[in-house]
Amino acid sequence: MSKAIVCLGDSNTWGYDPRGFGGGRWPDCVRWTARLNARPEWIIYNLGENGRAIPHTPFELRTLCGQLAALRPFDGLCVMLGSNDLLLGVPPAAAAARMERLLVCLSSLGVPFLLIAPPCFHPGDWVREEALLAASAHLAGYYRILAGESGAAFADAGCWDIPLCFDGVHFTAEGHARFAAQAGGAFAAAFCGAK
């Protein structure tokens, strides 16, 4: 039986394609969420949003809870956020503190959830400072600890060798394909008990 999974994320979950003027969206055949949705074991709700940082204020958390309530029932929740926080100058430790507040809120939903650390940035048009590259490399360590403390499953997409576009942030078409392949295994472990 198919499992309904909500994917909460930013532009890489939404499927942003930065190549066109003003950007665009990769078609279903490219986006990692749509690739997983095409598999019989998954029903994927894409709750990706361009520019989304980690919801952490009371208003943001209430708004998100409303979005999630509109999608119920579902069997699990995948969260991949933090890249925009870093791009806005939030240090990795502070981004992790935001994520901790979000995970506390999500734990009340009573469904399993998977925390994915985003792929590390690469040098590019949006990533010109060494400090930003270092920040993106450190985020996964914080998230691993948070997942262990909250009972969430964890995956580090920084280990998945995801190709990024010229901006150093967004997935290429091949990046979406590789991400979907790796995420499929992480989803099975998190939501179906596969090891």
N, C-alpha and C. Protein backbone atom coordinates (compact mmCIF):
# COMPACT_ATOMS: atom_id res chain seq x y z
N MET A 1 0.84 -1.19 0.00
CA MET A 1 0.00 0.00 0.00
C MET A 1 0.88 1.25 0.00
N SER A 2 0.51 2.24 -0.79
CA SER A 2 1.30 3.46 -0.91
C SER A 2 1.29 4.25 0.39
N LYS A 3 2.43 4.87 0.68
CA LYS A 3 2.55 5.75 1.84
C LYS A 3 2.51 7.20 1.36
N ALA A 4 1.68 8.00 2.02
CA ALA A 4 1.57 9.42 1.69
C ALA A 4 2.59 10.19 2.53
N ILE A 5 3.50 10.88 1.85
CA ILE A 5 4.59 11.59 2.52
C ILE A 5 4.56 13.06 2.10
N VAL A 6 4.59 13.94 3.08
CA VAL A 6 4.69 15.37 2.82
C VAL A 6 6.16 15.75 2.80
N CYS A 7 6.59 16.42 1.74
CA CYS A 7 7.97 16.89 1.62
C CYS A 7 7.99 18.40 1.85
N LEU A 8 8.49 18.79 3.00
CA LEU A 8 8.56 20.19 3.40
C LEU A 8 9.96 20.70 3.06
N GLY A 9 10.03 21.69 2.18
CA GLY A 9 11.35 22.15 1.78
C GLY A 9 11.33 23.52 1.14
N ASP A 10 12.43 23.82 0.48
CA ASP A 10 12.60 25.11 -0.17
C ASP A 10 12.57 24.93 -1.68
N SER A 11 13.32 25.74 -2.40
CA SER A 11 13.26 25.71 -3.87
C SER A 11 13.76 24.41 -4.47
N ASN A 12 14.67 23.72 -3.79
CA ASN A 12 15.13 22.43 -4.34
C ASN A 12 14.07 21.35 -4.20
N THR A 13 13.17 21.50 -3.25
CA THR A 13 12.03 20.59 -3.16
C THR A 13 10.96 21.02 -4.17
N TRP A 14 10.70 22.31 -4.26
CA TRP A 14 9.73 22.83 -5.23
C TRP A 14 10.13 22.48 -6.66
N GLY A 15 11.44 22.53 -6.93
CA GLY A 15 11.95 22.19 -8.26
C GLY A 15 12.41 23.38 -9.07
N TYR A 16 12.95 24.38 -8.40
CA TYR A 16 13.38 25.61 -9.07
C TYR A 16 14.51 25.34 -10.07
N ASP A 17 14.37 25.92 -11.25
CA ASP A 17 15.38 25.82 -12.31
C ASP A 17 15.90 27.23 -12.59
N PRO A 18 17.13 27.55 -12.18
CA PRO A 18 17.63 28.91 -12.32
C PRO A 18 18.14 29.28 -13.70
N ARG A 19 18.04 28.41 -14.67
CA ARG A 19 18.68 28.66 -15.96
C ARG A 19 17.97 29.73 -16.79
N GLY A 20 16.66 29.84 -16.67
CA GLY A 20 15.93 30.82 -17.47
C GLY A 20 15.95 32.20 -16.84
N PHE A 21 15.55 33.20 -17.61
CA PHE A 21 15.47 34.56 -17.09
C PHE A 21 14.42 34.59 -15.98
N GLY A 22 14.86 34.97 -14.78
CA GLY A 22 13.94 34.99 -13.65
C GLY A 22 13.68 33.61 -13.05
N GLY A 23 14.30 32.58 -13.61
CA GLY A 23 14.11 31.23 -13.09
C GLY A 23 12.84 30.60 -13.62
N GLY A 24 12.66 29.36 -13.30
CA GLY A 24 11.49 28.61 -13.73
C GLY A 24 11.40 27.37 -12.87
N ARG A 25 10.68 26.38 -13.37
CA ARG A 25 10.52 25.14 -12.61
C ARG A 25 10.81 23.96 -13.50
N TRP A 26 11.61 23.02 -12.99
CA TRP A 26 11.86 21.80 -13.73
C TRP A 26 10.54 21.06 -13.93
N PRO A 27 10.38 20.38 -15.05
CA PRO A 27 9.14 19.61 -15.26
C PRO A 27 9.08 18.39 -14.34
N ASP A 28 7.90 17.80 -14.25
CA ASP A 28 7.69 16.64 -13.38
C ASP A 28 8.71 15.53 -13.64
N CYS A 29 9.07 15.34 -14.89
CA CYS A 29 9.97 14.23 -15.21
C CYS A 29 11.37 14.44 -14.65
N VAL A 30 11.66 15.65 -14.18
CA VAL A 30 12.98 15.97 -13.62
C VAL A 30 12.95 16.05 -12.10
N ARG A 31 11.95 16.69 -11.52
CA ARG A 31 11.93 16.99 -10.09
C ARG A 31 12.01 15.72 -9.24
N TRP A 32 12.82 15.77 -8.18
CA TRP A 32 13.01 14.59 -7.34
C TRP A 32 11.72 14.16 -6.67
N THR A 33 10.90 15.10 -6.27
CA THR A 33 9.63 14.75 -5.61
C THR A 33 8.70 14.03 -6.59
N ALA A 34 8.64 14.51 -7.82
CA ALA A 34 7.78 13.86 -8.82
C ALA A 34 8.32 12.49 -9.21
N ARG A 35 9.64 12.34 -9.22
CA ARG A 35 10.22 11.02 -9.50
C ARG A 35 9.81 10.01 -8.43
N LEU A 36 9.84 10.42 -7.16
CA LEU A 36 9.40 9.52 -6.10
C LEU A 36 7.90 9.27 -6.19
N ASN A 37 7.14 10.29 -6.54
CA ASN A 37 5.69 10.15 -6.66
C ASN A 37 5.30 9.17 -7.76
N ALA A 38 6.17 9.01 -8.74
CA ALA A 38 5.89 8.08 -9.84
C ALA A 38 6.08 6.63 -9.41
N ARG A 39 6.68 6.39 -8.27
CA ARG A 39 6.85 5.03 -7.77
C ARG A 39 5.58 4.58 -7.04
N PRO A 40 5.23 3.32 -7.16
CA PRO A 40 3.97 2.86 -6.57
C PRO A 40 3.95 2.91 -5.05
N GLU A 41 5.11 2.92 -4.41
CA GLU A 41 5.12 2.89 -2.95
C GLU A 41 4.88 4.25 -2.30
N TRP A 42 4.90 5.33 -3.10
CA TRP A 42 4.80 6.66 -2.52
C TRP A 42 3.69 7.49 -3.14
N ILE A 43 3.06 8.30 -2.31
CA ILE A 43 2.24 9.42 -2.75
C ILE A 43 2.90 10.65 -2.12
N ILE A 44 3.42 11.52 -2.95
CA ILE A 44 4.22 12.64 -2.46
C ILE A 44 3.43 13.94 -2.55
N TYR A 45 3.37 14.64 -1.43
CA TYR A 45 2.82 16.00 -1.40
C TYR A 45 4.01 16.96 -1.34
N ASN A 46 4.17 17.75 -2.39
CA ASN A 46 5.30 18.66 -2.47
C ASN A 46 4.94 19.98 -1.79
N LEU A 47 5.51 20.19 -0.62
CA LEU A 47 5.29 21.43 0.12
C LEU A 47 6.58 22.26 0.09
N GLY A 48 7.23 22.24 -1.07
CA GLY A 48 8.40 23.08 -1.28
C GLY A 48 7.96 24.50 -1.63
N GLU A 49 8.79 25.45 -1.25
CA GLU A 49 8.47 26.85 -1.49
C GLU A 49 9.76 27.62 -1.74
N ASN A 50 9.82 28.35 -2.84
CA ASN A 50 11.02 29.14 -3.14
C ASN A 50 11.29 30.13 -2.03
N GLY A 51 12.54 30.17 -1.60
CA GLY A 51 12.96 31.13 -0.58
C GLY A 51 12.61 30.75 0.84
N ARG A 52 12.00 29.60 1.05
CA ARG A 52 11.57 29.23 2.41
C ARG A 52 12.78 28.99 3.31
N ALA A 53 12.82 29.72 4.42
CA ALA A 53 13.76 29.44 5.49
C ALA A 53 13.04 28.55 6.51
N ILE A 54 13.73 28.15 7.55
CA ILE A 54 13.15 27.27 8.55
C ILE A 54 12.09 28.04 9.33
N PRO A 55 10.83 27.61 9.30
CA PRO A 55 9.81 28.29 10.11
C PRO A 55 10.17 28.17 11.59
N HIS A 56 10.19 29.31 12.29
CA HIS A 56 10.59 29.25 13.70
C HIS A 56 9.84 30.24 14.59
N THR A 57 9.22 31.26 13.99
CA THR A 57 8.45 32.19 14.81
C THR A 57 7.08 31.58 15.08
N PRO A 58 6.39 32.02 16.13
CA PRO A 58 5.04 31.49 16.40
C PRO A 58 4.12 31.62 15.19
N PHE A 59 4.17 32.75 14.50
CA PHE A 59 3.30 32.93 13.32
C PHE A 59 3.65 31.93 12.23
N GLU A 60 4.95 31.79 11.94
CA GLU A 60 5.36 30.86 10.89
C GLU A 60 4.97 29.42 11.23
N LEU A 61 5.13 29.05 12.48
CA LEU A 61 4.78 27.68 12.88
C LEU A 61 3.28 27.45 12.82
N ARG A 62 2.48 28.44 13.21
CA ARG A 62 1.02 28.31 13.08
C ARG A 62 0.60 28.18 11.63
N THR A 63 1.22 28.97 10.75
CA THR A 63 0.90 28.92 9.32
C THR A 63 1.23 27.55 8.75
N LEU A 64 2.39 27.03 9.10
CA LEU A 64 2.80 25.72 8.61
C LEU A 64 1.85 24.64 9.13
N CYS A 65 1.48 24.72 10.40
CA CYS A 65 0.56 23.72 10.96
C CYS A 65 -0.77 23.74 10.19
N GLY A 66 -1.20 24.92 9.77
CA GLY A 66 -2.41 25.02 8.96
C GLY A 66 -2.25 24.35 7.61
N GLN A 67 -1.10 24.55 6.98
CA GLN A 67 -0.83 23.90 5.70
C GLN A 67 -0.83 22.38 5.85
N LEU A 68 -0.19 21.90 6.90
CA LEU A 68 -0.12 20.46 7.11
C LEU A 68 -1.49 19.87 7.46
N ALA A 69 -2.26 20.60 8.22
CA ALA A 69 -3.60 20.12 8.59
C ALA A 69 -4.46 19.93 7.35
N ALA A 70 -4.28 20.79 6.36
CA ALA A 70 -5.07 20.70 5.13
C ALA A 70 -4.71 19.45 4.32
N LEU A 71 -3.55 18.87 4.56
CA LEU A 71 -3.11 17.69 3.81
C LEU A 71 -3.41 16.38 4.53
N ARG A 72 -3.85 16.42 5.76
CA ARG A 72 -4.07 15.19 6.52
C ARG A 72 -5.23 14.40 5.94
N PRO A 73 -5.16 13.05 6.02
CA PRO A 73 -4.13 12.28 6.70
C PRO A 73 -2.92 12.00 5.80
N PHE A 74 -1.76 11.87 6.40
CA PHE A 74 -0.57 11.43 5.68
C PHE A 74 0.24 10.55 6.62
N ASP A 75 1.19 9.80 6.03
CA ASP A 75 1.90 8.76 6.79
C ASP A 75 3.27 9.18 7.29
N GLY A 76 3.80 10.27 6.78
CA GLY A 76 5.14 10.68 7.18
C GLY A 76 5.46 12.05 6.64
N LEU A 77 6.54 12.61 7.15
CA LEU A 77 6.95 13.96 6.80
C LEU A 77 8.45 13.99 6.57
N CYS A 78 8.86 14.52 5.44
CA CYS A 78 10.28 14.72 5.11
C CYS A 78 10.58 16.21 5.17
N VAL A 79 11.61 16.59 5.90
CA VAL A 79 11.98 18.00 6.06
C VAL A 79 13.40 18.20 5.53
N MET A 80 13.54 19.11 4.57
CA MET A 80 14.87 19.51 4.10
C MET A 80 14.88 21.03 3.97
N LEU A 81 15.39 21.69 4.98
CA LEU A 81 15.45 23.15 5.03
C LEU A 81 16.77 23.57 5.67
N GLY A 82 17.11 24.82 5.51
CA GLY A 82 18.31 25.38 6.13
C GLY A 82 19.19 26.14 5.16
N SER A 83 19.11 25.81 3.87
CA SER A 83 19.97 26.48 2.89
C SER A 83 19.70 27.98 2.84
N ASN A 84 18.42 28.38 2.83
CA ASN A 84 18.11 29.80 2.75
C ASN A 84 18.52 30.54 4.02
N ASP A 85 18.42 29.86 5.16
CA ASP A 85 18.87 30.48 6.40
C ASP A 85 20.35 30.83 6.29
N LEU A 86 21.15 29.88 5.80
CA LEU A 86 22.58 30.12 5.65
C LEU A 86 22.84 31.24 4.64
N LEU A 87 22.10 31.25 3.54
CA LEU A 87 22.29 32.29 2.53
C LEU A 87 21.94 33.67 3.08
N LEU A 88 21.06 33.71 4.07
CA LEU A 88 20.68 34.98 4.71
C LEU A 88 21.62 35.36 5.85
N GLY A 89 22.68 34.57 6.06
CA GLY A 89 23.68 34.92 7.05
C GLY A 89 23.46 34.30 8.42
N VAL A 90 22.50 33.38 8.54
CA VAL A 90 22.27 32.71 9.82
C VAL A 90 23.36 31.66 10.01
N PRO A 91 24.09 31.67 11.13
CA PRO A 91 25.13 30.66 11.35
C PRO A 91 24.52 29.26 11.50
N PRO A 92 25.30 28.22 11.22
CA PRO A 92 24.75 26.85 11.31
C PRO A 92 24.14 26.53 12.66
N ALA A 93 24.77 26.96 13.77
CA ALA A 93 24.22 26.65 15.09
C ALA A 93 22.86 27.31 15.29
N ALA A 94 22.71 28.54 14.78
CA ALA A 94 21.42 29.23 14.91
C ALA A 94 20.37 28.59 14.01
N ALA A 95 20.78 28.15 12.82
CA ALA A 95 19.85 27.44 11.94
C ALA A 95 19.38 26.15 12.61
N ALA A 96 20.30 25.46 13.28
CA ALA A 96 19.93 24.24 13.99
C ALA A 96 18.97 24.53 15.13
N ALA A 97 19.13 25.66 15.80
CA ALA A 97 18.19 26.03 16.87
C ALA A 97 16.81 26.28 16.29
N ARG A 98 16.75 26.89 15.12
CA ARG A 98 15.46 27.07 14.44
C ARG A 98 14.85 25.71 14.10
N MET A 99 15.68 24.82 13.58
CA MET A 99 15.19 23.49 13.21
C MET A 99 14.69 22.74 14.44
N GLU A 100 15.36 22.92 15.56
CA GLU A 100 14.92 22.25 16.78
C GLU A 100 13.50 22.68 17.14
N ARG A 101 13.21 23.99 17.05
CA ARG A 101 11.86 24.48 17.35
C ARG A 101 10.85 23.89 16.38
N LEU A 102 11.24 23.78 15.10
CA LEU A 102 10.34 23.20 14.11
C LEU A 102 10.07 21.73 14.41
N LEU A 103 11.11 20.98 14.76
CA LEU A 103 10.93 19.55 15.02
C LEU A 103 10.05 19.31 16.24
N VAL A 104 10.15 20.17 17.24
CA VAL A 104 9.26 20.05 18.41
C VAL A 104 7.82 20.21 17.97
N CYS A 105 7.57 21.19 17.10
CA CYS A 105 6.22 21.42 16.58
C CYS A 105 5.74 20.21 15.77
N LEU A 106 6.60 19.68 14.90
CA LEU A 106 6.21 18.58 14.02
C LEU A 106 5.99 17.29 14.79
N SER A 107 6.66 17.13 15.92
CA SER A 107 6.53 15.89 16.68
C SER A 107 5.10 15.69 17.19
N SER A 108 4.35 16.79 17.29
CA SER A 108 2.97 16.69 17.77
C SER A 108 2.04 16.07 16.72
N LEU A 109 2.51 15.92 15.49
CA LEU A 109 1.67 15.37 14.43
C LEU A 109 1.47 13.86 14.57
N GLY A 110 2.38 13.21 15.28
CA GLY A 110 2.23 11.78 15.51
C GLY A 110 2.55 10.90 14.32
N VAL A 111 3.36 11.42 13.38
CA VAL A 111 3.78 10.61 12.23
C VAL A 111 5.31 10.56 12.22
N PRO A 112 5.90 9.51 11.63
CA PRO A 112 7.36 9.49 11.51
C PRO A 112 7.85 10.62 10.62
N PHE A 113 9.03 11.14 10.93
CA PHE A 113 9.58 12.14 10.03
C PHE A 113 11.05 11.91 9.78
N LEU A 114 11.47 12.38 8.62
CA LEU A 114 12.84 12.24 8.12
C LEU A 114 13.43 13.63 7.98
N LEU A 115 14.54 13.88 8.63
CA LEU A 115 15.27 15.14 8.50
C LEU A 115 16.44 14.92 7.55
N ILE A 116 16.44 15.67 6.46
CA ILE A 116 17.53 15.58 5.48
C ILE A 116 18.36 16.86 5.56
N ALA A 117 19.65 16.70 5.80
CA ALA A 117 20.57 17.84 5.71
C ALA A 117 20.79 18.14 4.23
N PRO A 118 20.59 19.40 3.81
CA PRO A 118 20.73 19.72 2.38
C PRO A 118 22.15 19.46 1.88
N PRO A 119 22.28 19.24 0.57
CA PRO A 119 23.63 19.13 0.00
C PRO A 119 24.44 20.38 0.30
N CYS A 120 25.74 20.21 0.45
CA CYS A 120 26.62 21.36 0.66
C CYS A 120 26.62 22.25 -0.57
N PHE A 121 26.74 23.56 -0.33
CA PHE A 121 26.88 24.49 -1.43
C PHE A 121 28.18 24.21 -2.19
N HIS A 122 28.21 24.66 -3.44
CA HIS A 122 29.43 24.66 -4.24
C HIS A 122 29.76 26.10 -4.59
N PRO A 123 31.00 26.41 -4.92
CA PRO A 123 31.30 27.77 -5.39
C PRO A 123 30.46 28.08 -6.62
N GLY A 124 29.85 29.25 -6.64
CA GLY A 124 28.98 29.64 -7.75
C GLY A 124 28.52 31.07 -7.62
N ASP A 125 27.58 31.45 -8.48
CA ASP A 125 27.11 32.84 -8.51
C ASP A 125 26.51 33.29 -7.18
N TRP A 126 25.90 32.39 -6.44
CA TRP A 126 25.29 32.74 -5.15
C TRP A 126 26.21 32.43 -3.97
N VAL A 127 27.29 31.72 -4.23
CA VAL A 127 28.16 31.25 -3.15
C VAL A 127 29.59 31.65 -3.49
N ARG A 128 29.97 32.83 -3.02
CA ARG A 128 31.28 33.37 -3.36
C ARG A 128 32.23 33.46 -2.16
N GLU A 129 31.71 33.16 -0.98
CA GLU A 129 32.52 33.29 0.23
C GLU A 129 32.85 31.92 0.81
N GLU A 130 34.08 31.77 1.23
CA GLU A 130 34.51 30.51 1.85
C GLU A 130 33.70 30.22 3.11
N ALA A 131 33.34 31.27 3.84
CA ALA A 131 32.58 31.08 5.07
C ALA A 131 31.22 30.43 4.80
N LEU A 132 30.62 30.76 3.67
CA LEU A 132 29.32 30.17 3.33
C LEU A 132 29.47 28.70 2.97
N LEU A 133 30.53 28.37 2.27
CA LEU A 133 30.81 26.96 1.97
C LEU A 133 31.02 26.17 3.26
N ALA A 134 31.78 26.75 4.18
CA ALA A 134 32.04 26.07 5.45
C ALA A 134 30.76 25.91 6.26
N ALA A 135 29.92 26.94 6.25
CA ALA A 135 28.67 26.87 6.99
C ALA A 135 27.80 25.73 6.48
N SER A 136 27.71 25.60 5.16
CA SER A 136 26.86 24.54 4.60
C SER A 136 27.43 23.16 4.91
N ALA A 137 28.74 23.06 5.05
CA ALA A 137 29.36 21.78 5.38
C ALA A 137 29.13 21.39 6.84
N HIS A 138 28.92 22.38 7.71
CA HIS A 138 28.76 22.10 9.14
C HIS A 138 27.32 21.81 9.54
N LEU A 139 26.36 22.17 8.71
CA LEU A 139 24.95 22.05 9.11
C LEU A 139 24.56 20.60 9.40
N ALA A 140 25.06 19.66 8.61
CA ALA A 140 24.66 18.26 8.76
C ALA A 140 25.00 17.71 10.14
N GLY A 141 26.13 18.12 10.70
CA GLY A 141 26.51 17.63 12.03
C GLY A 141 25.50 18.04 13.08
N TYR A 142 25.04 19.26 13.01
CA TYR A 142 24.00 19.72 13.94
C TYR A 142 22.70 18.95 13.73
N TYR A 143 22.33 18.75 12.46
CA TYR A 143 21.07 18.07 12.17
C TYR A 143 21.11 16.60 12.63
N ARG A 144 22.25 15.98 12.50
CA ARG A 144 22.36 14.58 12.94
C ARG A 144 22.06 14.47 14.44
N ILE A 145 22.59 15.40 15.20
CA ILE A 145 22.34 15.41 16.65
C ILE A 145 20.87 15.66 16.93
N LEU A 146 20.29 16.64 16.24
CA LEU A 146 18.87 16.95 16.44
C LEU A 146 17.98 15.75 16.13
N ALA A 147 18.28 15.08 15.04
CA ALA A 147 17.47 13.91 14.67
C ALA A 147 17.54 12.85 15.75
N GLY A 148 18.74 12.61 16.27
CA GLY A 148 18.89 11.62 17.32
C GLY A 148 18.12 11.99 18.58
N GLU A 149 18.12 13.28 18.92
CA GLU A 149 17.42 13.73 20.12
C GLU A 149 15.90 13.73 19.95
N SER A 150 15.44 13.93 18.72
CA SER A 150 13.99 14.05 18.49
C SER A 150 13.34 12.74 18.03
N GLY A 151 14.15 11.73 17.75
CA GLY A 151 13.61 10.47 17.27
C GLY A 151 13.31 10.46 15.79
N ALA A 152 13.80 11.44 15.07
CA ALA A 152 13.60 11.49 13.62
C ALA A 152 14.63 10.62 12.91
N ALA A 153 14.27 10.11 11.76
CA ALA A 153 15.27 9.49 10.87
C ALA A 153 16.12 10.62 10.29
N PHE A 154 17.34 10.30 9.88
CA PHE A 154 18.26 11.32 9.37
C PHE A 154 18.95 10.83 8.12
N ALA A 155 19.15 11.76 7.19
CA ALA A 155 19.95 11.49 6.00
C ALA A 155 20.77 12.74 5.69
N ASP A 156 22.00 12.54 5.28
CA ASP A 156 22.91 13.64 4.94
C ASP A 156 23.09 13.68 3.43
N ALA A 157 22.36 14.58 2.78
CA ALA A 157 22.46 14.69 1.32
C ALA A 157 23.80 15.26 0.88
N GLY A 158 24.58 15.76 1.83
CA GLY A 158 25.93 16.20 1.51
C GLY A 158 26.83 15.05 1.11
N CYS A 159 26.43 13.82 1.41
CA CYS A 159 27.18 12.62 1.04
C CYS A 159 26.67 12.00 -0.25
N TRP A 160 25.70 12.62 -0.89
CA TRP A 160 25.05 12.02 -2.05
C TRP A 160 25.61 12.49 -3.39
N ASP A 161 26.60 13.36 -3.40
CA ASP A 161 27.24 13.83 -4.63
C ASP A 161 26.21 14.39 -5.60
N ILE A 162 25.48 15.41 -5.16
CA ILE A 162 24.41 16.01 -5.96
C ILE A 162 24.98 17.14 -6.82
N PRO A 163 24.92 17.04 -8.15
CA PRO A 163 25.38 18.14 -9.00
C PRO A 163 24.49 19.37 -8.84
N LEU A 164 25.13 20.53 -8.73
CA LEU A 164 24.41 21.79 -8.57
C LEU A 164 24.63 22.68 -9.77
N CYS A 165 23.68 23.60 -9.98
CA CYS A 165 23.74 24.54 -11.10
C CYS A 165 24.83 25.59 -10.86
N PHE A 166 24.94 26.48 -11.81
CA PHE A 166 25.97 27.52 -11.79
C PHE A 166 25.88 28.42 -10.56
N ASP A 167 24.73 28.45 -9.90
CA ASP A 167 24.60 29.32 -8.73
C ASP A 167 25.19 28.70 -7.47
N GLY A 168 25.52 27.40 -7.52
CA GLY A 168 26.12 26.73 -6.38
C GLY A 168 25.13 26.28 -5.33
N VAL A 169 23.82 26.39 -5.63
CA VAL A 169 22.78 26.09 -4.65
C VAL A 169 21.74 25.11 -5.18
N HIS A 170 21.26 25.33 -6.41
CA HIS A 170 20.12 24.56 -6.92
C HIS A 170 20.56 23.34 -7.71
N PHE A 171 19.74 22.28 -7.62
CA PHE A 171 20.03 21.02 -8.29
C PHE A 171 19.95 21.17 -9.81
N THR A 172 20.88 20.51 -10.49
CA THR A 172 20.74 20.32 -11.93
C THR A 172 19.72 19.21 -12.18
N ALA A 173 19.41 18.95 -13.45
CA ALA A 173 18.53 17.83 -13.77
C ALA A 173 19.12 16.52 -13.26
N GLU A 174 20.42 16.34 -13.47
CA GLU A 174 21.09 15.14 -12.97
C GLU A 174 21.07 15.12 -11.44
N GLY A 175 21.18 16.29 -10.83
CA GLY A 175 21.11 16.38 -9.38
C GLY A 175 19.77 15.89 -8.85
N HIS A 176 18.69 16.25 -9.53
CA HIS A 176 17.37 15.76 -9.11
C HIS A 176 17.28 14.24 -9.25
N ALA A 177 17.84 13.70 -10.33
CA ALA A 177 17.81 12.25 -10.52
C ALA A 177 18.58 11.53 -9.42
N ARG A 178 19.78 12.03 -9.11
CA ARG A 178 20.58 11.40 -8.06
C ARG A 178 19.92 11.55 -6.70
N PHE A 179 19.35 12.73 -6.46
CA PHE A 179 18.69 12.94 -5.17
C PHE A 179 17.53 11.98 -5.01
N ALA A 180 16.72 11.82 -6.04
CA ALA A 180 15.58 10.90 -5.97
C ALA A 180 16.04 9.48 -5.68
N ALA A 181 17.12 9.07 -6.33
CA ALA A 181 17.62 7.70 -6.12
C ALA A 181 18.05 7.49 -4.67
N GLN A 182 18.75 8.46 -4.10
CA GLN A 182 19.21 8.34 -2.72
C GLN A 182 18.06 8.52 -1.73
N ALA A 183 17.19 9.47 -2.02
CA ALA A 183 16.07 9.73 -1.11
C ALA A 183 15.13 8.53 -1.04
N GLY A 184 15.02 7.77 -2.13
CA GLY A 184 14.16 6.59 -2.10
C GLY A 184 14.58 5.62 -1.02
N GLY A 185 15.87 5.40 -0.87
CA GLY A 185 16.37 4.52 0.19
C GLY A 185 16.14 5.11 1.56
N ALA A 186 16.35 6.43 1.70
CA ALA A 186 16.13 7.08 2.99
C ALA A 186 14.66 7.04 3.37
N PHE A 187 13.77 7.21 2.39
CA PHE A 187 12.34 7.13 2.65
C PHE A 187 11.95 5.72 3.11
N ALA A 188 12.49 4.71 2.44
CA ALA A 188 12.16 3.33 2.81
C ALA A 188 12.58 3.06 4.25
N ALA A 189 13.76 3.53 4.64
CA ALA A 189 14.25 3.31 6.00
C ALA A 189 13.41 4.07 7.02
N ALA A 190 13.03 5.30 6.67
CA ALA A 190 12.30 6.15 7.62
C ALA A 190 10.84 5.77 7.75
N PHE A 191 10.22 5.38 6.64
CA PHE A 191 8.76 5.25 6.64
C PHE A 191 8.26 3.82 6.46
N CYS A 192 9.16 2.91 6.11
CA CYS A 192 8.75 1.51 5.92
C CYS A 192 9.56 0.54 6.78
N GLY A 193 10.51 1.08 7.54
CA GLY A 193 11.31 0.23 8.42
C GLY A 193 12.41 -0.54 7.73
N ALA A 194 12.73 -0.20 6.43
CA ALA A 194 13.82 -0.90 5.72
C ALA A 194 15.15 -0.48 6.31
N LYS A 195 16.09 -1.39 6.33
CA LYS A 195 17.44 -1.10 6.83
C LYS A 195 18.44 -1.14 5.70
